[in-house]
């Protein structure tokens, strides 16, 4: 009898912005709580693809955000819709695909979840090239339909609101590929529980605007 492969979830995140890694940690906690038999590993995508430059890149990013936040906002808005610039940004990390492919071969996950747009882009490119057929999910960590999240080979999008869901559909994403879940936060947060309209108490996966 063939041995059944154990479920393993690989979460690709990034510490360039706290929201991405916080979402990854929330999924890690939720997996342990709701599906304790699954193996979960969280990997910082930027550290994976740039191990020697990672610390410097992160420092420069944080300094940029601290001293020139308006320029970040300008670039964010300029790349919100598809253009030649967004095409370039989505493909500029083609060199990262080989390191990611090696990681997939080493870890042998059964599913990949990304909370970081460059990781989603790299996974999509690998799937387009036939290097992997793993199911991939993107967890959009802000209330946005930014083009950098939208990849042709992403199987499922978890979004924070019905508004984002509708916006993704307007950009051509099929409704069955979108699930409205709220934005994932740590389950250990003091406001992790909410009371629903019918009086049930459930975990709260929403986050306040600006925390991502």
N, C-alpha and C. Protein backbone atom coordinates (compact mmCIF):
# COMPACT_ATOMS: atom_id res chain seq x y z
N UNK A 1 0.85 -1.20 0.00
CA UNK A 1 0.00 0.00 0.00
C UNK A 1 0.89 1.25 0.00
N UNK A 2 0.57 2.23 -0.86
CA UNK A 2 1.35 3.45 -0.91
C UNK A 2 1.18 4.24 0.38
N UNK A 3 2.28 4.80 0.81
CA UNK A 3 2.25 5.61 2.01
C UNK A 3 1.58 6.95 1.72
N UNK A 4 0.63 7.33 2.57
CA UNK A 4 -0.07 8.60 2.39
C UNK A 4 0.86 9.74 2.79
N UNK A 5 1.00 10.72 1.88
CA UNK A 5 1.88 11.84 2.16
C UNK A 5 1.26 12.75 3.19
N UNK A 6 2.03 13.10 4.21
CA UNK A 6 1.54 13.96 5.28
C UNK A 6 1.36 15.38 4.76
N UNK A 7 0.28 16.01 5.17
CA UNK A 7 0.03 17.38 4.76
C UNK A 7 1.09 18.32 5.33
N UNK A 8 1.59 19.18 4.48
CA UNK A 8 2.58 20.17 4.92
C UNK A 8 2.30 21.49 4.24
N UNK A 9 2.18 22.53 5.04
CA UNK A 9 1.88 23.86 4.55
C UNK A 9 3.15 24.71 4.62
N UNK A 10 3.53 25.26 3.48
CA UNK A 10 4.66 26.18 3.42
C UNK A 10 4.11 27.59 3.28
N UNK A 11 4.44 28.45 4.23
CA UNK A 11 3.99 29.84 4.21
C UNK A 11 5.16 30.73 3.83
N UNK A 12 5.00 31.44 2.73
CA UNK A 12 6.02 32.37 2.27
C UNK A 12 5.61 33.78 2.67
N UNK A 13 6.45 34.43 3.44
CA UNK A 13 6.12 35.76 3.93
C UNK A 13 7.31 36.68 3.73
N UNK A 14 7.25 37.85 4.35
CA UNK A 14 8.35 38.80 4.25
C UNK A 14 8.27 39.81 5.37
N UNK A 15 9.41 40.19 5.90
CA UNK A 15 9.44 41.12 7.02
C UNK A 15 9.60 42.57 6.57
N UNK A 16 9.36 42.82 5.28
CA UNK A 16 9.35 44.20 4.79
C UNK A 16 7.92 44.74 4.98
N UNK A 17 7.60 45.15 6.17
CA UNK A 17 6.23 45.51 6.54
C UNK A 17 5.68 44.46 7.48
N UNK A 18 5.30 44.87 8.69
CA UNK A 18 4.92 43.90 9.72
C UNK A 18 3.68 43.10 9.38
N UNK A 19 2.78 43.65 8.57
CA UNK A 19 1.52 42.97 8.29
C UNK A 19 1.70 41.62 7.62
N UNK A 20 2.68 41.50 6.75
CA UNK A 20 2.90 40.25 6.04
C UNK A 20 3.29 39.12 6.99
N UNK A 21 4.23 39.41 7.88
CA UNK A 21 4.69 38.38 8.80
C UNK A 21 3.65 38.10 9.89
N UNK A 22 2.92 39.12 10.31
CA UNK A 22 1.86 38.91 11.30
C UNK A 22 0.79 37.98 10.74
N UNK A 23 0.44 38.15 9.48
CA UNK A 23 -0.55 37.25 8.85
C UNK A 23 -0.02 35.83 8.81
N UNK A 24 1.27 35.68 8.49
CA UNK A 24 1.87 34.34 8.45
C UNK A 24 1.82 33.68 9.82
N UNK A 25 2.13 34.42 10.86
CA UNK A 25 2.10 33.88 12.21
C UNK A 25 0.68 33.52 12.64
N UNK A 26 -0.28 34.31 12.17
CA UNK A 26 -1.68 34.00 12.48
C UNK A 26 -2.11 32.68 11.86
N UNK A 27 -1.69 32.44 10.61
CA UNK A 27 -2.00 31.17 9.95
C UNK A 27 -1.31 30.02 10.65
N UNK A 28 -0.09 30.24 11.11
CA UNK A 28 0.64 29.22 11.87
C UNK A 28 -0.10 28.85 13.14
N UNK A 29 -0.57 29.85 13.88
CA UNK A 29 -1.32 29.60 15.11
C UNK A 29 -2.65 28.90 14.82
N UNK A 30 -3.34 29.37 13.78
CA UNK A 30 -4.64 28.78 13.45
C UNK A 30 -4.49 27.33 13.03
N UNK A 31 -3.42 27.02 12.32
CA UNK A 31 -3.19 25.64 11.88
C UNK A 31 -3.00 24.72 13.07
N UNK A 32 -2.24 25.18 14.06
CA UNK A 32 -2.01 24.37 15.25
C UNK A 32 -3.30 24.16 16.04
N UNK A 33 -4.18 25.17 16.00
CA UNK A 33 -5.42 25.09 16.77
C UNK A 33 -6.48 24.25 16.07
N UNK A 34 -6.66 24.45 14.77
CA UNK A 34 -7.76 23.83 14.05
C UNK A 34 -7.39 22.56 13.28
N UNK A 35 -6.09 22.41 12.99
CA UNK A 35 -5.65 21.22 12.26
C UNK A 35 -4.28 20.80 12.78
N UNK A 36 -4.24 20.27 13.99
CA UNK A 36 -2.96 19.99 14.65
C UNK A 36 -2.10 18.95 13.95
N UNK A 37 -2.66 18.16 13.05
CA UNK A 37 -1.87 17.14 12.37
C UNK A 37 -1.04 17.66 11.22
N UNK A 38 -1.27 18.89 10.79
CA UNK A 38 -0.56 19.42 9.64
C UNK A 38 0.77 20.03 10.06
N UNK A 39 1.78 19.83 9.25
CA UNK A 39 3.09 20.43 9.49
C UNK A 39 3.13 21.78 8.78
N UNK A 40 3.63 22.80 9.48
CA UNK A 40 3.65 24.15 8.92
C UNK A 40 5.05 24.75 9.06
N UNK A 41 5.51 25.37 8.00
CA UNK A 41 6.79 26.07 8.05
C UNK A 41 6.63 27.46 7.46
N UNK A 42 7.15 28.48 8.17
CA UNK A 42 7.12 29.85 7.69
C UNK A 42 8.52 30.23 7.22
N UNK A 43 8.61 30.77 6.01
CA UNK A 43 9.89 31.17 5.44
C UNK A 43 9.82 32.64 5.03
N UNK A 44 10.83 33.42 5.42
CA UNK A 44 10.95 34.80 4.97
C UNK A 44 11.50 34.78 3.55
N UNK A 45 10.67 35.13 2.59
CA UNK A 45 11.04 35.01 1.19
C UNK A 45 12.25 35.86 0.84
N UNK A 46 12.31 37.08 1.36
CA UNK A 46 13.42 37.96 1.03
C UNK A 46 14.74 37.43 1.59
N UNK A 47 14.68 36.87 2.77
CA UNK A 47 15.89 36.28 3.35
C UNK A 47 16.32 35.04 2.55
N UNK A 48 15.34 34.31 2.02
CA UNK A 48 15.64 33.13 1.22
C UNK A 48 16.37 33.49 -0.07
N UNK A 49 15.88 34.50 -0.78
CA UNK A 49 16.43 34.80 -2.10
C UNK A 49 17.65 35.72 -2.05
N UNK A 50 17.79 36.48 -0.96
CA UNK A 50 18.94 37.38 -0.82
C UNK A 50 19.58 37.19 0.56
N UNK A 51 20.11 36.03 0.84
CA UNK A 51 20.63 35.77 2.19
C UNK A 51 21.76 36.70 2.62
N UNK A 52 22.59 37.15 1.69
CA UNK A 52 23.72 38.01 2.05
C UNK A 52 23.33 39.47 2.14
N UNK A 53 22.35 39.88 1.35
CA UNK A 53 21.95 41.29 1.30
C UNK A 53 20.71 41.58 2.12
N UNK A 54 20.12 40.54 2.71
CA UNK A 54 18.82 40.69 3.36
C UNK A 54 18.83 41.77 4.44
N UNK A 55 19.80 41.73 5.35
CA UNK A 55 19.83 42.69 6.46
C UNK A 55 19.94 44.13 5.94
N UNK A 56 20.78 44.32 4.95
CA UNK A 56 20.96 45.67 4.38
C UNK A 56 19.69 46.12 3.66
N UNK A 57 19.09 45.22 2.89
CA UNK A 57 17.87 45.57 2.16
C UNK A 57 16.75 45.95 3.12
N UNK A 58 16.60 45.18 4.19
CA UNK A 58 15.55 45.47 5.15
C UNK A 58 15.80 46.81 5.85
N UNK A 59 17.05 47.06 6.21
CA UNK A 59 17.39 48.34 6.84
C UNK A 59 17.07 49.51 5.92
N UNK A 60 17.45 49.39 4.65
CA UNK A 60 17.18 50.46 3.70
C UNK A 60 15.68 50.67 3.50
N UNK A 61 14.94 49.57 3.45
CA UNK A 61 13.49 49.68 3.29
C UNK A 61 12.86 50.41 4.47
N UNK A 62 13.26 50.04 5.69
CA UNK A 62 12.69 50.68 6.88
C UNK A 62 13.07 52.15 6.96
N UNK A 63 14.29 52.49 6.56
CA UNK A 63 14.71 53.90 6.55
C UNK A 63 13.93 54.68 5.50
N UNK A 64 13.70 54.05 4.36
CA UNK A 64 12.91 54.68 3.30
C UNK A 64 11.50 54.98 3.80
N UNK A 65 10.88 54.00 4.44
CA UNK A 65 9.53 54.18 4.97
C UNK A 65 9.50 55.26 6.05
N UNK A 66 10.55 55.34 6.84
CA UNK A 66 10.60 56.31 7.94
C UNK A 66 10.79 57.73 7.44
N UNK A 67 11.67 57.91 6.47
CA UNK A 67 12.06 59.25 6.06
C UNK A 67 11.36 59.74 4.79
N UNK A 68 10.89 58.81 3.95
CA UNK A 68 10.26 59.22 2.69
C UNK A 68 8.95 58.47 2.46
N UNK A 69 8.04 58.52 3.43
CA UNK A 69 6.79 57.76 3.28
C UNK A 69 5.94 58.21 2.09
N UNK A 70 6.04 59.48 1.71
CA UNK A 70 5.23 59.97 0.59
C UNK A 70 5.67 59.34 -0.72
N UNK A 71 6.98 59.08 -0.87
CA UNK A 71 7.46 58.46 -2.11
C UNK A 71 6.98 57.01 -2.20
N UNK A 72 6.91 56.34 -1.04
CA UNK A 72 6.36 54.98 -1.04
C UNK A 72 4.90 55.00 -1.47
N UNK A 73 4.14 55.95 -0.92
CA UNK A 73 2.74 56.08 -1.29
C UNK A 73 2.56 56.38 -2.76
N UNK A 74 3.45 57.20 -3.32
CA UNK A 74 3.38 57.54 -4.73
C UNK A 74 3.62 56.30 -5.59
N UNK A 75 4.67 55.52 -5.26
CA UNK A 75 4.98 54.31 -6.01
C UNK A 75 3.86 53.29 -5.88
N UNK A 76 3.27 53.19 -4.68
CA UNK A 76 2.17 52.26 -4.45
C UNK A 76 1.01 52.58 -5.38
N UNK A 77 0.68 53.85 -5.48
CA UNK A 77 -0.44 54.24 -6.33
C UNK A 77 -0.12 54.07 -7.81
N UNK A 78 1.13 54.34 -8.21
CA UNK A 78 1.52 54.22 -9.61
C UNK A 78 1.49 52.77 -10.09
N UNK A 79 1.66 51.83 -9.15
CA UNK A 79 1.68 50.41 -9.53
C UNK A 79 0.39 49.69 -9.15
N UNK A 80 -0.62 50.44 -8.76
CA UNK A 80 -1.86 49.81 -8.32
C UNK A 80 -2.57 49.08 -9.44
N UNK A 81 -2.47 49.61 -10.64
CA UNK A 81 -3.06 48.95 -11.81
C UNK A 81 -1.94 48.43 -12.70
N UNK A 82 -2.25 47.46 -13.54
CA UNK A 82 -1.23 46.87 -14.42
C UNK A 82 -0.69 47.89 -15.41
N UNK A 83 0.63 47.86 -15.58
CA UNK A 83 1.32 48.74 -16.50
C UNK A 83 2.67 48.10 -16.83
N UNK A 84 3.46 48.76 -17.66
CA UNK A 84 4.80 48.25 -17.95
C UNK A 84 5.64 48.19 -16.69
N UNK A 85 5.43 49.16 -15.78
CA UNK A 85 6.19 49.19 -14.54
C UNK A 85 5.85 47.99 -13.66
N UNK A 86 4.56 47.68 -13.53
CA UNK A 86 4.18 46.53 -12.70
C UNK A 86 4.63 45.23 -13.34
N UNK A 87 4.59 45.15 -14.68
CA UNK A 87 5.10 43.96 -15.36
C UNK A 87 6.57 43.76 -15.04
N UNK A 88 7.34 44.83 -15.07
CA UNK A 88 8.76 44.76 -14.75
C UNK A 88 8.99 44.32 -13.31
N UNK A 89 8.22 44.90 -12.39
CA UNK A 89 8.39 44.56 -10.97
C UNK A 89 8.02 43.11 -10.70
N UNK A 90 7.00 42.60 -11.39
CA UNK A 90 6.59 41.22 -11.18
C UNK A 90 7.62 40.22 -11.70
N UNK A 91 8.41 40.63 -12.68
CA UNK A 91 9.37 39.71 -13.29
C UNK A 91 10.81 40.01 -12.92
N UNK A 92 11.04 41.09 -12.20
CA UNK A 92 12.42 41.46 -11.86
C UNK A 92 13.08 40.42 -10.97
N UNK A 93 12.30 39.67 -10.23
CA UNK A 93 12.86 38.69 -9.32
C UNK A 93 12.90 37.29 -9.92
N UNK A 94 13.06 37.22 -11.21
CA UNK A 94 13.14 35.92 -11.87
C UNK A 94 14.29 35.08 -11.32
N UNK A 95 15.38 35.74 -10.89
CA UNK A 95 16.52 35.02 -10.33
C UNK A 95 16.18 34.34 -9.02
N UNK A 96 15.09 34.77 -8.38
CA UNK A 96 14.70 34.17 -7.10
C UNK A 96 14.01 32.83 -7.29
N UNK A 97 13.60 32.52 -8.52
CA UNK A 97 12.85 31.30 -8.76
C UNK A 97 13.65 30.04 -8.44
N UNK A 98 14.94 30.05 -8.73
CA UNK A 98 15.75 28.86 -8.50
C UNK A 98 15.86 28.54 -7.02
N UNK A 99 16.07 29.55 -6.19
CA UNK A 99 16.14 29.32 -4.75
C UNK A 99 14.80 28.81 -4.21
N UNK A 100 13.73 29.36 -4.73
CA UNK A 100 12.40 28.92 -4.29
C UNK A 100 12.16 27.48 -4.73
N UNK A 101 12.56 27.14 -5.93
CA UNK A 101 12.38 25.78 -6.43
C UNK A 101 13.16 24.78 -5.56
N UNK A 102 14.37 25.14 -5.17
CA UNK A 102 15.17 24.28 -4.29
C UNK A 102 14.46 24.10 -2.95
N UNK A 103 13.89 25.19 -2.43
CA UNK A 103 13.15 25.11 -1.16
C UNK A 103 11.97 24.14 -1.29
N UNK A 104 11.22 24.22 -2.38
CA UNK A 104 10.09 23.33 -2.59
C UNK A 104 10.54 21.88 -2.65
N UNK A 105 11.66 21.64 -3.30
CA UNK A 105 12.17 20.27 -3.40
C UNK A 105 12.63 19.75 -2.05
N UNK A 106 13.19 20.62 -1.23
CA UNK A 106 13.68 20.21 0.09
C UNK A 106 12.54 19.98 1.08
N UNK A 107 11.56 20.88 1.08
CA UNK A 107 10.49 20.84 2.07
C UNK A 107 9.34 19.92 1.67
N UNK A 108 9.13 19.72 0.38
CA UNK A 108 8.05 18.86 -0.12
C UNK A 108 6.68 19.23 0.48
N UNK A 109 6.27 20.49 0.37
CA UNK A 109 4.94 20.86 0.89
C UNK A 109 3.83 20.31 0.02
N UNK A 110 2.63 20.24 0.58
CA UNK A 110 1.46 19.86 -0.20
C UNK A 110 0.65 21.09 -0.62
N UNK A 111 0.97 22.23 -0.02
CA UNK A 111 0.30 23.49 -0.35
C UNK A 111 1.22 24.64 0.00
N UNK A 112 1.13 25.72 -0.77
CA UNK A 112 1.92 26.93 -0.51
C UNK A 112 0.97 28.10 -0.31
N UNK A 113 1.19 28.84 0.76
CA UNK A 113 0.42 30.05 1.05
C UNK A 113 1.40 31.22 1.09
N UNK A 114 1.04 32.30 0.45
CA UNK A 114 1.89 33.48 0.45
C UNK A 114 1.17 34.66 1.08
N UNK A 115 1.87 35.36 1.97
CA UNK A 115 1.36 36.61 2.53
C UNK A 115 2.21 37.79 2.06
N UNK A 116 3.01 37.57 1.00
CA UNK A 116 3.97 38.56 0.53
C UNK A 116 3.94 38.57 -1.00
N UNK A 117 3.63 39.70 -1.64
CA UNK A 117 3.44 39.72 -3.09
C UNK A 117 4.60 39.17 -3.92
N UNK A 118 5.87 39.51 -3.63
CA UNK A 118 6.95 38.93 -4.45
C UNK A 118 6.98 37.41 -4.41
N UNK A 119 6.61 36.82 -3.28
CA UNK A 119 6.57 35.36 -3.19
C UNK A 119 5.45 34.80 -4.05
N UNK A 120 4.30 35.46 -4.06
CA UNK A 120 3.20 35.04 -4.94
C UNK A 120 3.62 35.10 -6.40
N UNK A 121 4.35 36.16 -6.76
CA UNK A 121 4.81 36.32 -8.14
C UNK A 121 5.77 35.20 -8.52
N UNK A 122 6.70 34.87 -7.63
CA UNK A 122 7.67 33.82 -7.91
C UNK A 122 7.00 32.46 -8.05
N UNK A 123 6.03 32.15 -7.17
CA UNK A 123 5.31 30.89 -7.27
C UNK A 123 4.53 30.80 -8.58
N UNK A 124 3.91 31.90 -8.98
CA UNK A 124 3.13 31.91 -10.21
C UNK A 124 4.03 31.65 -11.42
N UNK A 125 5.21 32.27 -11.42
CA UNK A 125 6.14 32.07 -12.53
C UNK A 125 6.61 30.62 -12.60
N UNK A 126 6.87 30.01 -11.46
CA UNK A 126 7.27 28.60 -11.45
C UNK A 126 6.17 27.71 -12.00
N UNK A 127 4.92 28.01 -11.66
CA UNK A 127 3.81 27.22 -12.16
C UNK A 127 3.62 27.43 -13.66
N UNK A 128 3.78 28.67 -14.12
CA UNK A 128 3.64 28.95 -15.54
C UNK A 128 4.68 28.18 -16.36
N UNK A 129 5.86 28.00 -15.79
CA UNK A 129 6.94 27.30 -16.49
C UNK A 129 6.88 25.79 -16.30
N UNK A 130 5.87 25.32 -15.57
CA UNK A 130 5.72 23.88 -15.38
C UNK A 130 6.68 23.28 -14.37
N UNK A 131 7.28 24.13 -13.51
CA UNK A 131 8.24 23.64 -12.53
C UNK A 131 7.55 23.05 -11.30
N UNK A 132 6.30 23.42 -11.07
CA UNK A 132 5.54 22.89 -9.94
C UNK A 132 4.05 22.99 -10.26
N UNK A 133 3.26 22.13 -9.62
CA UNK A 133 1.81 22.22 -9.77
C UNK A 133 1.13 22.31 -8.41
N UNK A 134 1.90 22.76 -7.41
CA UNK A 134 1.35 22.86 -6.05
C UNK A 134 0.21 23.88 -6.00
N UNK A 135 -0.86 23.57 -5.26
CA UNK A 135 -1.91 24.58 -5.06
C UNK A 135 -1.35 25.77 -4.28
N UNK A 136 -1.66 26.97 -4.75
CA UNK A 136 -1.12 28.18 -4.14
C UNK A 136 -2.23 29.14 -3.75
N UNK A 137 -2.09 29.69 -2.56
CA UNK A 137 -3.05 30.65 -2.04
C UNK A 137 -2.33 31.95 -1.70
N UNK A 138 -2.94 33.07 -2.05
CA UNK A 138 -2.42 34.38 -1.68
C UNK A 138 -3.33 35.00 -0.63
N UNK A 139 -2.76 35.38 0.49
CA UNK A 139 -3.51 36.09 1.53
C UNK A 139 -3.20 37.57 1.39
N UNK A 140 -4.13 38.34 0.90
CA UNK A 140 -3.92 39.77 0.69
C UNK A 140 -4.00 40.47 2.03
N UNK A 141 -2.87 41.07 2.43
CA UNK A 141 -2.74 41.57 3.80
C UNK A 141 -3.12 43.03 3.97
N UNK A 142 -3.83 43.59 3.01
CA UNK A 142 -4.38 44.92 3.20
C UNK A 142 -5.71 45.02 2.46
N UNK A 143 -6.42 46.09 2.68
CA UNK A 143 -7.72 46.28 2.02
C UNK A 143 -7.48 46.90 0.65
N UNK A 144 -6.87 46.14 -0.24
CA UNK A 144 -6.47 46.67 -1.53
C UNK A 144 -6.56 45.60 -2.61
N UNK A 145 -6.75 46.07 -3.85
CA UNK A 145 -6.71 45.18 -5.01
C UNK A 145 -5.46 45.48 -5.83
N UNK A 146 -4.38 45.82 -5.15
CA UNK A 146 -3.14 46.20 -5.83
C UNK A 146 -2.72 45.13 -6.83
N UNK A 147 -2.26 45.58 -7.98
CA UNK A 147 -1.94 44.66 -9.08
C UNK A 147 -0.84 43.67 -8.73
N UNK A 148 0.03 44.02 -7.79
CA UNK A 148 1.15 43.13 -7.48
C UNK A 148 0.68 41.82 -6.84
N UNK A 149 -0.52 41.83 -6.26
CA UNK A 149 -1.07 40.61 -5.68
C UNK A 149 -1.64 39.67 -6.74
N UNK A 150 -2.01 40.21 -7.89
CA UNK A 150 -2.76 39.45 -8.88
C UNK A 150 -1.79 38.70 -9.80
N UNK A 151 -1.83 37.38 -9.73
CA UNK A 151 -0.93 36.54 -10.51
C UNK A 151 -1.74 35.49 -11.27
N UNK A 152 -1.37 35.19 -12.49
CA UNK A 152 -2.19 34.30 -13.32
C UNK A 152 -2.30 32.87 -12.81
N UNK A 153 -1.33 32.39 -12.02
CA UNK A 153 -1.37 31.00 -11.58
C UNK A 153 -1.67 30.83 -10.09
N UNK A 154 -2.16 31.88 -9.45
CA UNK A 154 -2.63 31.77 -8.07
C UNK A 154 -4.00 31.09 -8.08
N UNK A 155 -4.16 30.08 -7.23
CA UNK A 155 -5.40 29.30 -7.24
C UNK A 155 -6.51 29.91 -6.38
N UNK A 156 -6.12 30.59 -5.30
CA UNK A 156 -7.11 31.11 -4.37
C UNK A 156 -6.60 32.39 -3.73
N UNK A 157 -7.50 33.36 -3.59
CA UNK A 157 -7.19 34.61 -2.91
C UNK A 157 -8.04 34.72 -1.65
N UNK A 158 -7.41 34.96 -0.51
CA UNK A 158 -8.13 35.26 0.72
C UNK A 158 -8.05 36.76 0.94
N UNK A 159 -9.22 37.40 1.01
CA UNK A 159 -9.25 38.87 1.06
C UNK A 159 -9.96 39.35 2.31
N UNK A 160 -9.75 40.63 2.61
CA UNK A 160 -10.23 41.19 3.86
C UNK A 160 -11.65 41.73 3.84
N UNK A 161 -12.24 41.92 2.66
CA UNK A 161 -13.56 42.54 2.62
C UNK A 161 -14.27 42.21 1.32
N UNK A 162 -15.58 42.43 1.32
CA UNK A 162 -16.37 42.24 0.10
C UNK A 162 -15.95 43.25 -0.96
N UNK A 163 -15.50 44.44 -0.53
CA UNK A 163 -15.05 45.45 -1.47
C UNK A 163 -13.84 44.98 -2.28
N UNK A 164 -12.88 44.36 -1.60
CA UNK A 164 -11.71 43.83 -2.30
C UNK A 164 -12.12 42.68 -3.22
N UNK A 165 -13.03 41.86 -2.74
CA UNK A 165 -13.55 40.75 -3.55
C UNK A 165 -14.13 41.28 -4.86
N UNK A 166 -14.96 42.31 -4.77
CA UNK A 166 -15.58 42.88 -5.96
C UNK A 166 -14.53 43.50 -6.88
N UNK A 167 -13.53 44.15 -6.28
CA UNK A 167 -12.47 44.78 -7.08
C UNK A 167 -11.66 43.74 -7.84
N UNK A 168 -11.36 42.61 -7.20
CA UNK A 168 -10.63 41.56 -7.88
C UNK A 168 -11.44 40.99 -9.05
N UNK A 169 -12.73 40.85 -8.84
CA UNK A 169 -13.57 40.35 -9.93
C UNK A 169 -13.57 41.31 -11.11
N UNK A 170 -13.55 42.61 -10.82
CA UNK A 170 -13.50 43.60 -11.91
C UNK A 170 -12.18 43.49 -12.67
N UNK A 171 -11.17 42.97 -12.03
CA UNK A 171 -9.87 42.80 -12.68
C UNK A 171 -9.73 41.41 -13.31
N UNK A 172 -10.82 40.66 -13.35
CA UNK A 172 -10.82 39.41 -14.08
C UNK A 172 -10.62 38.15 -13.26
N UNK A 173 -10.57 38.27 -11.93
CA UNK A 173 -10.42 37.08 -11.09
C UNK A 173 -11.80 36.44 -10.89
N UNK A 174 -11.92 35.15 -11.17
CA UNK A 174 -13.20 34.46 -11.04
C UNK A 174 -13.64 34.42 -9.57
N UNK A 175 -14.94 34.54 -9.34
CA UNK A 175 -15.47 34.60 -7.96
C UNK A 175 -15.12 33.35 -7.16
N UNK A 176 -15.07 32.18 -7.81
CA UNK A 176 -14.81 30.96 -7.07
C UNK A 176 -13.36 30.88 -6.58
N UNK A 177 -12.51 31.80 -7.06
CA UNK A 177 -11.12 31.82 -6.63
C UNK A 177 -10.88 32.82 -5.50
N UNK A 178 -11.96 33.40 -4.96
CA UNK A 178 -11.84 34.42 -3.92
C UNK A 178 -12.66 34.01 -2.70
N UNK A 179 -12.06 34.12 -1.53
CA UNK A 179 -12.77 33.88 -0.27
C UNK A 179 -12.59 35.09 0.63
N UNK A 180 -13.70 35.61 1.13
CA UNK A 180 -13.66 36.77 2.03
C UNK A 180 -13.52 36.25 3.46
N UNK A 181 -12.36 36.46 4.05
CA UNK A 181 -12.06 35.91 5.37
C UNK A 181 -11.73 36.97 6.41
N UNK A 182 -11.61 38.23 6.00
CA UNK A 182 -11.01 39.22 6.88
C UNK A 182 -9.50 39.09 6.76
N UNK A 183 -8.79 40.00 7.41
CA UNK A 183 -7.33 39.95 7.36
C UNK A 183 -6.82 39.23 8.59
N UNK A 184 -5.95 38.26 8.40
CA UNK A 184 -5.48 37.41 9.49
C UNK A 184 -4.62 38.19 10.48
N UNK A 185 -4.90 38.00 11.76
CA UNK A 185 -4.09 38.56 12.84
C UNK A 185 -3.81 37.45 13.84
N UNK A 186 -2.89 37.72 14.76
CA UNK A 186 -2.53 36.72 15.74
C UNK A 186 -3.73 36.33 16.60
N UNK A 187 -3.95 35.05 16.80
CA UNK A 187 -5.08 34.58 17.60
C UNK A 187 -4.90 34.92 19.07
N UNK A 188 -3.64 35.21 19.47
CA UNK A 188 -3.37 35.54 20.87
C UNK A 188 -3.69 36.99 21.20
N UNK A 189 -4.11 37.76 20.18
CA UNK A 189 -4.47 39.15 20.42
C UNK A 189 -5.68 39.21 21.34
N UNK A 190 -5.76 40.25 22.21
CA UNK A 190 -6.87 40.32 23.18
C UNK A 190 -8.24 40.41 22.57
N UNK A 191 -8.34 40.93 21.33
CA UNK A 191 -9.65 41.05 20.69
C UNK A 191 -9.85 40.00 19.62
N UNK A 192 -9.24 38.83 19.83
CA UNK A 192 -9.30 37.78 18.82
C UNK A 192 -10.67 37.13 18.73
N UNK A 193 -11.56 37.37 19.69
CA UNK A 193 -12.90 36.80 19.63
C UNK A 193 -13.93 37.89 19.40
N UNK A 194 -14.93 37.57 18.58
CA UNK A 194 -16.06 38.46 18.39
C UNK A 194 -17.34 37.66 18.55
N UNK A 195 -18.44 38.33 18.83
CA UNK A 195 -19.74 37.69 18.94
C UNK A 195 -20.52 37.97 17.67
N UNK A 196 -20.96 36.94 17.00
CA UNK A 196 -21.67 37.09 15.73
C UNK A 196 -23.12 37.49 15.99
N UNK A 197 -23.83 37.77 14.91
CA UNK A 197 -25.21 38.22 15.03
C UNK A 197 -26.12 37.22 15.68
N UNK A 198 -25.81 35.93 15.56
CA UNK A 198 -26.67 34.93 16.18
C UNK A 198 -26.18 34.51 17.56
N UNK A 199 -25.24 35.29 18.11
CA UNK A 199 -24.80 35.05 19.48
C UNK A 199 -23.62 34.10 19.61
N UNK A 200 -23.13 33.54 18.49
CA UNK A 200 -21.98 32.64 18.58
C UNK A 200 -20.69 33.43 18.77
N UNK A 201 -19.75 32.80 19.49
CA UNK A 201 -18.45 33.41 19.73
C UNK A 201 -17.43 32.77 18.79
N UNK A 202 -16.75 33.59 17.98
CA UNK A 202 -15.83 33.02 17.02
C UNK A 202 -14.55 33.85 16.96
N UNK A 203 -13.54 33.24 16.37
CA UNK A 203 -12.27 33.93 16.21
C UNK A 203 -12.43 35.13 15.27
N UNK A 204 -11.73 36.21 15.60
CA UNK A 204 -11.75 37.41 14.80
C UNK A 204 -10.45 37.49 14.00
N UNK A 205 -10.58 37.50 12.67
CA UNK A 205 -9.40 37.58 11.81
C UNK A 205 -9.28 38.92 11.14
N UNK A 206 -10.01 39.92 11.64
CA UNK A 206 -9.91 41.24 11.02
C UNK A 206 -8.81 42.05 11.69
N UNK A 207 -8.46 43.15 11.05
CA UNK A 207 -7.40 44.00 11.57
C UNK A 207 -7.78 45.44 11.32
N UNK A 208 -7.31 46.32 12.18
CA UNK A 208 -7.63 47.73 12.02
C UNK A 208 -6.88 48.31 10.82
N UNK A 209 -7.50 49.26 10.16
CA UNK A 209 -6.89 49.89 8.99
C UNK A 209 -5.54 50.47 9.38
N UNK A 210 -4.54 50.22 8.53
CA UNK A 210 -3.22 50.77 8.78
C UNK A 210 -2.26 49.82 9.45
N UNK A 211 -2.72 48.69 10.00
CA UNK A 211 -1.83 47.78 10.67
C UNK A 211 -1.04 46.94 9.70
N UNK A 212 -1.45 46.90 8.46
CA UNK A 212 -0.72 46.12 7.46
C UNK A 212 0.33 46.94 6.81
